[in-house]
PDB file of N, CA and C in Angstrom:
ATOM      1  N   UNK A   1      97.956  92.173 106.309  1.00  0.00           N
ATOM      2  CA  UNK A   1      97.490  93.470 107.295  1.00  0.00           C
ATOM      3  C   UNK A   1      96.983  94.506 106.311  1.00  0.00           C
ATOM      4  N   UNK A   2      95.792  94.764 106.106  1.00  0.00           N
ATOM      5  CA  UNK A   2      95.170  95.692 105.303  1.00  0.00           C
ATOM      6  C   UNK A   2      95.628  97.141 105.846  1.00  0.00           C
ATOM      7  N   UNK A   3      95.958  97.916 104.810  1.00  0.00           N
ATOM      8  CA  UNK A   3      96.530  99.158 105.211  1.00  0.00           C
ATOM      9  C   UNK A   3      95.559 100.315 104.534  1.00  0.00           C
ATOM     10  N   UNK A   4      95.102 101.278 105.022  1.00  0.00           N
ATOM     11  CA  UNK A   4      94.309 102.234 104.581  1.00  0.00           C
ATOM     12  C   UNK A   4      95.096 103.641 104.314  1.00  0.00           C
ATOM     13  N   UNK A   5      94.996 104.192 103.285  1.00  0.00           N
ATOM     14  CA  UNK A   5      95.791 105.437 102.902  1.00  0.00           C
ATOM     15  C   UNK A   5      94.683 106.454 102.967  1.00  0.00           C
ATOM     16  N   UNK A   6      94.821 107.416 103.484  1.00  0.00           N
ATOM     17  CA  UNK A   6      93.852 108.743 103.610  1.00  0.00           C
ATOM     18  C   UNK A   6      94.673 109.895 103.128  1.00  0.00           C
ATOM     19  N   UNK A   7      94.170 110.428 102.104  1.00  0.00           N
ATOM     20  CA  UNK A   7      94.721 111.635 101.504  1.00  0.00           C
ATOM     21  C   UNK A   7      93.717 112.674 101.328  1.00  0.00           C
ATOM     22  N   UNK A   8      93.753 113.830 101.956  1.00  0.00           N
ATOM     23  CA  UNK A   8      93.071 115.040 101.989  1.00  0.00           C
ATOM     24  C   UNK A   8      93.620 116.063 101.043  1.00  0.00           C
ATOM     25  N   UNK A   9      92.812 116.619 100.074  1.00  0.00           N
ATOM     26  CA  UNK A   9      93.579 117.564  99.263  1.00  0.00           C
ATOM     27  C   UNK A   9      92.190 118.641  98.799  1.00  0.00           C
ATOM     28  N   UNK A  10      92.812 119.667  98.202  1.00  0.00           N
ATOM     29  CA  UNK A  10      91.908 120.922  97.968  1.00  0.00           C
ATOM     30  C   UNK A  10      91.657 120.853  96.225  1.00  0.00           C
ATOM     31  N   UNK A  11      90.506 121.011  95.731  1.00  0.00           N
ATOM     32  CA  UNK A  11      90.560 121.208  94.351  1.00  0.00           C
ATOM     33  C   UNK A  11      89.785 122.529  94.164  1.00  0.00           C
ATOM     34  N   UNK A  12      90.192 123.221  93.453  1.00  0.00           N
ATOM     35  CA  UNK A  12      89.454 124.541  92.978  1.00  0.00           C
ATOM     36  C   UNK A  12      88.220 124.032  92.311  1.00  0.00           C
ATOM     37  N   UNK A  13      86.993 124.851  92.446  1.00  0.00           N
ATOM     38  CA  UNK A  13      85.734 124.590  91.829  1.00  0.00           C
ATOM     39  C   UNK A  13      85.854 124.369  90.270  1.00  0.00           C
ATOM     40  N   UNK A  14      86.889 125.151  89.616  1.00  0.00           N
ATOM     41  CA  UNK A  14      86.876 125.086  88.196  1.00  0.00           C
ATOM     42  C   UNK A  14      87.679 123.862  87.706  1.00  0.00           C
ATOM     43  N   UNK A  15      88.274 123.105  88.636  1.00  0.00           N
ATOM     44  CA  UNK A  15      88.933 122.098  88.435  1.00  0.00           C
ATOM     45  C   UNK A  15      88.363 120.598  88.688  1.00  0.00           C
ATOM     46  N   UNK A  16      86.960 120.773  89.354  1.00  0.00           N
ATOM     47  CA  UNK A  16      86.241 119.556  89.824  1.00  0.00           C
ATOM     48  C   UNK A  16      85.992 118.597  88.693  1.00  0.00           C
ATOM     49  N   UNK A  17      85.531 119.093  87.740  1.00  0.00           N
ATOM     50  CA  UNK A  17      85.197 118.171  86.501  1.00  0.00           C
ATOM     51  C   UNK A  17      86.336 117.494  86.121  1.00  0.00           C
ATOM     52  N   UNK A  18      87.421 118.222  85.879  1.00  0.00           N
ATOM     53  CA  UNK A  18      88.797 117.495  85.470  1.00  0.00           C
ATOM     54  C   UNK A  18      89.052 116.307  86.315  1.00  0.00           C
ATOM     55  N   UNK A  19      89.172 116.693  87.824  1.00  0.00           N
ATOM     56  CA  UNK A  19      89.335 115.814  88.573  1.00  0.00           C
ATOM     57  C   UNK A  19      88.475 114.461  88.457  1.00  0.00           C
ATOM     58  N   UNK A  20      87.151 114.652  88.534  1.00  0.00           N
ATOM     59  CA  UNK A  20      86.249 113.455  88.290  1.00  0.00           C
ATOM     60  C   UNK A  20      86.433 112.905  87.065  1.00  0.00           C
ATOM     61  N   UNK A  21      86.628 113.606  85.848  1.00  0.00           N
ATOM     62  CA  UNK A  21      86.895 112.956  84.544  1.00  0.00           C
ATOM     63  C   UNK A  21      88.288 112.110  84.526  1.00  0.00           C
ATOM     64  N   UNK A  22      89.144 112.443  85.375  1.00  0.00           N
ATOM     65  CA  UNK A  22      90.363 111.750  85.236  1.00  0.00           C
ATOM     66  C   UNK A  22      90.283 110.591  86.140  1.00  0.00           C
ATOM     67  N   UNK A  23      89.424 110.661  87.143  1.00  0.00           N
ATOM     68  CA  UNK A  23      89.415 109.452  88.189  1.00  0.00           C
ATOM     69  C   UNK A  23      89.311 108.127  87.802  1.00  0.00           C
ATOM     70  N   UNK A  24      88.428 107.660  86.598  1.00  0.00           N
ATOM     71  CA  UNK A  24      88.428 106.492  86.059  1.00  0.00           C
ATOM     72  C   UNK A  24      89.853 105.895  85.449  1.00  0.00           C
ATOM     73  N   UNK A  25      90.589 106.877  84.758  1.00  0.00           N
ATOM     74  CA  UNK A  25      91.928 106.630  84.321  1.00  0.00           C
ATOM     75  C   UNK A  25      92.760 106.263  85.423  1.00  0.00           C
ATOM     76  N   UNK A  26      92.833 106.919  86.562  1.00  0.00           N
ATOM     77  CA  UNK A  26      93.653 106.694  87.734  1.00  0.00           C
ATOM     78  C   UNK A  26      93.389 105.607  88.340  1.00  0.00           C
ATOM     79  N   UNK A  27      92.215 105.110  88.500  1.00  0.00           N
ATOM     80  CA  UNK A  27      91.881 103.747  89.185  1.00  0.00           C
ATOM     81  C   UNK A  27      92.331 102.701  88.119  1.00  0.00           C
ATOM     82  N   UNK A  28      92.054 102.961  86.830  1.00  0.00           N
ATOM     83  CA  UNK A  28      92.366 102.038  85.779  1.00  0.00           C
ATOM     84  C   UNK A  28      94.101 101.607  86.132  1.00  0.00           C
ATOM     85  N   UNK A  29      94.748 102.854  86.165  1.00  0.00           N
ATOM     86  CA  UNK A  29      96.171 102.691  86.097  1.00  0.00           C
ATOM     87  C   UNK A  29      96.801 102.202  87.427  1.00  0.00           C
ATOM     88  N   UNK A  30      95.994 102.395  88.459  1.00  0.00           N
ATOM     89  CA  UNK A  30      96.360 101.887  89.844  1.00  0.00           C
ATOM     90  C   UNK A  30      96.063 100.409  89.755  1.00  0.00           C
ATOM     91  N   UNK A  31      95.012  99.867  89.186  1.00  0.00           N
ATOM     92  CA  UNK A  31      94.510  98.451  89.267  1.00  0.00           C
ATOM     93  C   UNK A  31      95.730  97.430  88.236  1.00  0.00           C
ATOM     94  N   UNK A  32      96.118  98.294  87.168  1.00  0.00           N
ATOM     95  CA  UNK A  32      97.188  97.673  86.290  1.00  0.00           C
ATOM     96  C   UNK A  32      98.492  97.638  86.621  1.00  0.00           C
ATOM     97  N   UNK A  33      98.806  98.519  87.713  1.00  0.00           N
ATOM     98  CA  UNK A  33     100.262  98.852  87.858  1.00  0.00           C
ATOM     99  C   UNK A  33     100.623  98.837  89.295  1.00  0.00           C
ATOM    100  N   UNK A  34      99.679  98.718  90.177  1.00  0.00           N
ATOM    101  CA  UNK A  34      99.986  98.776  91.727  1.00  0.00           C
ATOM    102  C   UNK A  34      99.704  97.542  92.301  1.00  0.00           C
ATOM    103  N   UNK A  35     100.671  96.810  92.373  1.00  0.00           N
ATOM    104  CA  UNK A  35     100.613  95.561  93.308  1.00  0.00           C
ATOM    105  C   UNK A  35      99.847  95.679  94.680  1.00  0.00           C
ATOM    106  N   UNK A  36      98.943  95.025  95.016  1.00  0.00           N
ATOM    107  CA  UNK A  36      98.373  95.102  96.448  1.00  0.00           C
ATOM    108  C   UNK A  36      97.016  96.166  96.576  1.00  0.00           C
ATOM    109  N   UNK A  37      96.798  96.851  95.314  1.00  0.00           N
ATOM    110  CA  UNK A  37      95.712  97.903  95.291  1.00  0.00           C
ATOM    111  C   UNK A  37      94.418  97.016  95.448  1.00  0.00           C
ATOM    112  N   UNK A  38      93.628  97.439  96.391  1.00  0.00           N
ATOM    113  CA  UNK A  38      92.321  96.975  96.462  1.00  0.00           C
ATOM    114  C   UNK A  38      91.318  97.862  96.064  1.00  0.00           C
ATOM    115  N   UNK A  39      91.195  99.082  96.647  1.00  0.00           N
ATOM    116  CA  UNK A  39      90.078  99.822  95.944  1.00  0.00           C
ATOM    117  C   UNK A  39      90.254 101.297  96.401  1.00  0.00           C
ATOM    118  N   UNK A  40      89.646 102.231  95.994  1.00  0.00           N
ATOM    119  CA  UNK A  40      89.667 103.591  96.326  1.00  0.00           C
ATOM    120  C   UNK A  40      88.241 104.165  96.295  1.00  0.00           C
ATOM    121  N   UNK A  41      88.076 104.982  97.265  1.00  0.00           N
ATOM    122  CA  UNK A  41      86.711 105.880  97.345  1.00  0.00           C
ATOM    123  C   UNK A  41      87.015 107.315  97.452  1.00  0.00           C
ATOM    124  N   UNK A  42      86.445 108.015  96.845  1.00  0.00           N
ATOM    125  CA  UNK A  42      86.703 109.447  96.663  1.00  0.00           C
ATOM    126  C   UNK A  42      85.439 110.160  97.424  1.00  0.00           C
ATOM    127  N   UNK A  43      85.802 111.037  98.605  1.00  0.00           N
ATOM    128  CA  UNK A  43      84.645 111.747  99.208  1.00  0.00           C
ATOM    129  C   UNK A  43      84.702 113.196  99.151  1.00  0.00           C
ATOM    130  N   UNK A  44      83.545 113.846  98.615  1.00  0.00           N
ATOM    131  CA  UNK A  44      83.667 115.176  98.595  1.00  0.00           C
ATOM    132  C   UNK A  44      83.308 115.864 100.056  1.00  0.00           C
ATOM    133  N   UNK A  45      84.259 116.684 100.492  1.00  0.00           N
ATOM    134  CA  UNK A  45      84.093 117.292 101.866  1.00  0.00           C
ATOM    135  C   UNK A  45      83.654 118.824 101.583  1.00  0.00           C
ATOM    136  N   UNK A  46      83.176 119.631 102.850  1.00  0.00           N
ATOM    137  CA  UNK A  46      82.978 120.864 102.624  1.00  0.00           C
ATOM    138  C   UNK A  46      84.306 121.892 102.162  1.00  0.00           C
ATOM    139  N   UNK A  47      84.128 122.796 101.729  1.00  0.00           N
ATOM    140  CA  UNK A  47      85.206 123.876 101.490  1.00  0.00           C
ATOM    141  C   UNK A  47      86.252 123.479 100.424  1.00  0.00           C
ATOM    142  N   UNK A  48      85.794 122.873  99.462  1.00  0.00           N
ATOM    143  CA  UNK A  48      86.641 122.596  98.169  1.00  0.00           C
ATOM    144  C   UNK A  48      87.800 121.504  98.394  1.00  0.00           C
ATOM    145  N   UNK A  49      87.367 120.709  99.677  1.00  0.00           N
ATOM    146  CA  UNK A  49      88.250 119.583  99.948  1.00  0.00           C
ATOM    147  C   UNK A  49      87.733 118.302  99.664  1.00  0.00           C
ATOM    148  N   UNK A  50      88.661 117.528  99.309  1.00  0.00           N
ATOM    149  CA  UNK A  50      88.132 116.055  99.135  1.00  0.00           C
ATOM    150  C   UNK A  50      89.166 115.112 100.026  1.00  0.00           C
ATOM    151  N   UNK A  51      88.545 113.776  99.962  1.00  0.00           N
ATOM    152  CA  UNK A  51      89.266 112.862 100.819  1.00  0.00           C
ATOM    153  C   UNK A  51      89.536 111.523 100.051  1.00  0.00           C
ATOM    154  N   UNK A  52      90.508 111.036  99.437  1.00  0.00           N
ATOM    155  CA  UNK A  52      90.710 109.754  98.962  1.00  0.00           C
ATOM    156  C   UNK A  52      91.045 108.679 100.004  1.00  0.00           C
ATOM    157  N   UNK A  53      90.157 107.714  99.939  1.00  0.00           N
ATOM    158  CA  UNK A  53      90.489 106.572 100.989  1.00  0.00           C
ATOM    159  C   UNK A  53      90.685 105.553 100.012  1.00  0.00           C
ATOM    160  N   UNK A  54      92.199 105.115 100.110  1.00  0.00           N
ATOM    161  CA  UNK A  54      92.612 103.847  99.213  1.00  0.00           C
ATOM    162  C   UNK A  54      93.007 102.631 100.102  1.00  0.00           C
ATOM    163  N   UNK A  55      92.597 101.545  99.724  1.00  0.00           N
ATOM    164  CA  UNK A  55      92.862 100.233 100.409  1.00  0.00           C
ATOM    165  C   UNK A  55      94.028  99.621  99.766  1.00  0.00           C
ATOM    166  N   UNK A  56      94.878  99.114 100.616  1.00  0.00           N
ATOM    167  CA  UNK A  56      96.202  98.334 100.239  1.00  0.00           C
ATOM    168  C   UNK A  56      96.010  97.047 100.796  1.00  0.00           C
ATOM    169  N   UNK A  57      96.525  96.052 100.360  1.00  0.00           N
ATOM    170  CA  UNK A  57      96.653  94.658 101.020  1.00  0.00           C
ATOM    171  C   UNK A  57      97.696  94.693 102.161  1.00  0.00           C
ATOM    172  N   UNK A  58      98.743  95.349 102.052  1.00  0.00           N
ATOM    173  CA  UNK A  58      99.771  95.627 102.944  1.00  0.00           C
ATOM    174  C   UNK A  58     100.388  96.958 102.990  1.00  0.00           C
ATOM    175  N   UNK A  59     101.064  97.416 103.897  1.00  0.00           N
ATOM    176  CA  UNK A  59     101.994  98.666 104.120  1.00  0.00           C
ATOM    177  C   UNK A  59     103.084  98.687 103.046  1.00  0.00           C
ATOM    178  N   UNK A  60     103.642  97.544 102.598  1.00  0.00           N
ATOM    179  CA  UNK A  60     104.626  97.538 101.538  1.00  0.00           C
ATOM    180  C   UNK A  60     103.919  97.791 100.193  1.00  0.00           C
ATOM    181  N   UNK A  61     102.802  97.565  99.953  1.00  0.00           N
ATOM    182  CA  UNK A  61     102.198  97.998  98.728  1.00  0.00           C
ATOM    183  C   UNK A  61     101.991  99.374  98.535  1.00  0.00           C
ATOM    184  N   UNK A  62     101.471 100.001  99.724  1.00  0.00           N
ATOM    185  CA  UNK A  62     101.451 101.405  99.604  1.00  0.00           C
ATOM    186  C   UNK A  62     102.854 102.140  99.454  1.00  0.00           C
ATOM    187  N   UNK A  63     103.929 101.583 100.075  1.00  0.00           N
ATOM    188  CA  UNK A  63     105.180 102.179 100.061  1.00  0.00           C
ATOM    189  C   UNK A  63     105.595 102.157  98.541  1.00  0.00           C
ATOM    190  N   UNK A  64     105.460 101.036  97.936  1.00  0.00           N
ATOM    191  CA  UNK A  64     105.809 100.676  96.614  1.00  0.00           C
ATOM    192  C   UNK A  64     105.136 101.699  95.642  1.00  0.00           C
ATOM    193  N   UNK A  65     103.861 101.878  95.861  1.00  0.00           N
ATOM    194  CA  UNK A  65     103.087 102.918  95.198  1.00  0.00           C
ATOM    195  C   UNK A  65     103.615 104.357  95.197  1.00  0.00           C
ATOM    196  N   UNK A  66     103.798 104.604  96.543  1.00  0.00           N
ATOM    197  CA  UNK A  66     104.275 105.976  96.544  1.00  0.00           C
ATOM    198  C   UNK A  66     105.635 106.225  95.963  1.00  0.00           C
ATOM    199  N   UNK A  67     106.408 105.307  95.850  1.00  0.00           N
ATOM    200  CA  UNK A  67     107.784 105.248  95.172  1.00  0.00           C
ATOM    201  C   UNK A  67     107.606 105.405  93.748  1.00  0.00           C
ATOM    202  N   UNK A  68     106.636 104.872  93.139  1.00  0.00           N
ATOM    203  CA  UNK A  68     106.166 105.009  91.666  1.00  0.00           C
ATOM    204  C   UNK A  68     105.829 106.389  91.190  1.00  0.00           C
ATOM    205  N   UNK A  69     105.022 106.842  92.020  1.00  0.00           N
ATOM    206  CA  UNK A  69     104.463 108.314  91.903  1.00  0.00           C
ATOM    207  C   UNK A  69     103.468 108.322  90.805  1.00  0.00           C
ATOM    208  N   UNK A  70     103.429 109.409  90.134  1.00  0.00           N
ATOM    209  CA  UNK A  70     102.645 109.733  88.896  1.00  0.00           C
ATOM    210  C   UNK A  70     103.197 109.101  87.768  1.00  0.00           C
ATOM    211  N   UNK A  71     103.442 107.847  87.476  1.00  0.00           N
ATOM    212  CA  UNK A  71     104.053 107.179  86.468  1.00  0.00           C
ATOM    213  C   UNK A  71     103.236 106.817  85.216  1.00  0.00           C
ATOM    214  N   UNK A  72     101.886 107.053  85.099  1.00  0.00           N
ATOM    215  CA  UNK A  72     101.152 106.552  84.314  1.00  0.00           C
ATOM    216  C   UNK A  72     100.051 107.742  83.759  1.00  0.00           C
ATOM    217  N   UNK A  73      99.638 107.933  82.670  1.00  0.00           N
ATOM    218  CA  UNK A  73      98.986 109.124  82.217  1.00  0.00           C
ATOM    219  C   UNK A  73      97.657 109.368  83.090  1.00  0.00           C
ATOM    220  N   UNK A  74      96.838 108.303  83.519  1.00  0.00           N
ATOM    221  CA  UNK A  74      95.796 108.488  84.365  1.00  0.00           C
ATOM    222  C   UNK A  74      95.923 109.056  85.677  1.00  0.00           C
ATOM    223  N   UNK A  75      97.118 108.571  86.222  1.00  0.00           N
ATOM    224  CA  UNK A  75      97.700 108.983  87.402  1.00  0.00           C
ATOM    225  C   UNK A  75      98.123 110.474  87.337  1.00  0.00           C
ATOM    226  N   UNK A  76      98.737 110.830  86.169  1.00  0.00           N
ATOM    227  CA  UNK A  76      99.103 112.181  86.114  1.00  0.00           C
ATOM    228  C   UNK A  76      98.015 113.201  85.962  1.00  0.00           C
ATOM    229  N   UNK A  77      97.049 112.786  85.146  1.00  0.00           N
ATOM    230  CA  UNK A  77      95.920 113.608  85.010  1.00  0.00           C
ATOM    231  C   UNK A  77      94.970 113.977  86.327  1.00  0.00           C
ATOM    232  N   UNK A  78      94.976 112.777  87.153  1.00  0.00           N
ATOM    233  CA  UNK A  78      94.121 112.986  88.414  1.00  0.00           C
ATOM    234  C   UNK A  78      94.824 113.827  89.135  1.00  0.00           C
ATOM    235  N   UNK A  79      96.183 113.682  89.511  1.00  0.00           N
ATOM    236  CA  UNK A  79      97.042 114.675  90.184  1.00  0.00           C
ATOM    237  C   UNK A  79      97.005 116.126  89.788  1.00  0.00           C
ATOM    238  N   UNK A  80      97.048 116.259  88.446  1.00  0.00           N
ATOM    239  CA  UNK A  80      97.148 117.621  88.040  1.00  0.00           C
ATOM    240  C   UNK A  80      95.951 118.472  88.490  1.00  0.00           C
ATOM    241  N   UNK A  81      94.759 117.645  88.569  1.00  0.00           N
ATOM    242  CA  UNK A  81      93.693 118.618  89.036  1.00  0.00           C
ATOM    243  C   UNK A  81      93.625 118.798  90.691  1.00  0.00           C
ATOM    244  N   UNK A  82      94.459 118.565  91.252  1.00  0.00           N
ATOM    245  CA  UNK A  82      94.770 118.809  92.713  1.00  0.00           C
ATOM    246  C   UNK A  82      95.307 120.212  92.910  1.00  0.00           C
ATOM    247  N   UNK A  83      94.702 120.933  93.585  1.00  0.00           N
ATOM    248  CA  UNK A  83      95.382 122.315  93.831  1.00  0.00           C
ATOM    249  C   UNK A  83      96.285 122.145  95.158  1.00  0.00           C
ATOM    250  N   UNK A  84      95.899 121.482  96.058  1.00  0.00           N
ATOM    251  CA  UNK A  84      96.999 121.371  97.371  1.00  0.00           C
ATOM    252  C   UNK A  84      96.513 120.333  98.258  1.00  0.00           C
ATOM    253  N   UNK A  85      97.632 119.704  98.507  1.00  0.00           N
ATOM    254  CA  UNK A  85      97.742 118.518  99.502  1.00  0.00           C
ATOM    255  C   UNK A  85      97.369 119.323 100.941  1.00  0.00           C
ATOM    256  N   UNK A  86      96.329 118.616 101.586  1.00  0.00           N
ATOM    257  CA  UNK A  86      95.893 119.035 103.123  1.00  0.00           C
ATOM    258  C   UNK A  86      96.595 118.071 104.000  1.00  0.00           C
ATOM    259  N   UNK A  87      96.618 116.674 103.832  1.00  0.00           N
ATOM    260  CA  UNK A  87      97.147 115.784 104.777  1.00  0.00           C
ATOM    261  C   UNK A  87      97.235 114.582 104.212  1.00  0.00           C
ATOM    262  N   UNK A  88      98.165 113.713 104.476  1.00  0.00           N
ATOM    263  CA  UNK A  88      98.281 112.492 104.046  1.00  0.00           C
ATOM    264  C   UNK A  88      98.680 111.483 105.386  1.00  0.00           C
ATOM    265  N   UNK A  89      97.855 110.367 105.485  1.00  0.00           N
ATOM    266  CA  UNK A  89      97.924 109.648 106.605  1.00  0.00           C
ATOM    267  C   UNK A  89      97.783 108.028 106.001  1.00  0.00           C
ATOM    268  N   UNK A  90      98.197 107.226 106.888  1.00  0.00           N
ATOM    269  CA  UNK A  90      97.993 105.690 106.746  1.00  0.00           C
ATOM    270  C   UNK A  90      97.694 104.978 108.120  1.00  0.00           C
ATOM    271  N   UNK A  91      97.072 104.090 107.999  1.00  0.00           N
ATOM    272  CA  UNK A  91      96.712 103.277 109.161  1.00  0.00           C
ATOM    273  C   UNK A  91      96.062 101.786 108.639  1.00  0.00           C
ATOM    274  N   UNK A  92      96.094 101.084 109.851  1.00  0.00           N
ATOM    275  CA  UNK A  92      95.736  99.647 109.726  1.00  0.00           C
ATOM    276  C   UNK A  92      94.273  99.343 110.025  1.00  0.00           C
ATOM    277  N   UNK A  93      93.716  98.704 108.954  1.00  0.00           N
ATOM    278  CA  UNK A  93      92.228  98.337 109.408  1.00  0.00           C
ATOM    279  C   UNK A  93      92.122  97.243 110.409  1.00  0.00           C
ATOM    280  N   UNK A  94      91.227  97.687 111.263  1.00  0.00           N
ATOM    281  CA  UNK A  94      91.124  96.835 112.639  1.00  0.00           C
ATOM    282  C   UNK A  94      89.877  96.200 112.516  1.00  0.00           C
ATOM    283  N   UNK A  95      88.859  96.454 111.815  1.00  0.00           N
ATOM    284  CA  UNK A  95      87.550  95.553 111.571  1.00  0.00           C
ATOM    285  C   UNK A  95      87.178  95.526 110.247  1.00  0.00           C
ATOM    286  N   UNK A  96      86.345  94.490 109.857  1.00  0.00           N
ATOM    287  CA  UNK A  96      85.995  94.426 108.359  1.00  0.00           C
ATOM    288  C   UNK A  96      86.591  93.125 108.063  1.00  0.00           C
ATOM    289  N   UNK A  97      86.178  92.992 106.636  1.00  0.00           N
ATOM    290  CA  UNK A  97      86.684  91.599 106.156  1.00  0.00           C
ATOM    291  C   UNK A  97      88.303  91.745 105.919  1.00  0.00           C
TER     292      UNK A  97
END
């Protein structure tokens, strides 16, 4: 059962370059350390907000990832660029592969 994680957050304009520079390291750390990680897409929204859309093979993979937190340098650097969490949700993919 494919699980989609939706995390909306704010980044100050002066931290956008740090966020984008840290993204490849965060994705590499997720691929190496997070069982069930499929992919992640980052969407820039209006008003200094961003949406991270992360695909997991199953809800237990997302839960295990959340339990690990920012345990590797690439993840720490990405999270450090975030100013504020706006919302975090998860759901089950009902169409697609």
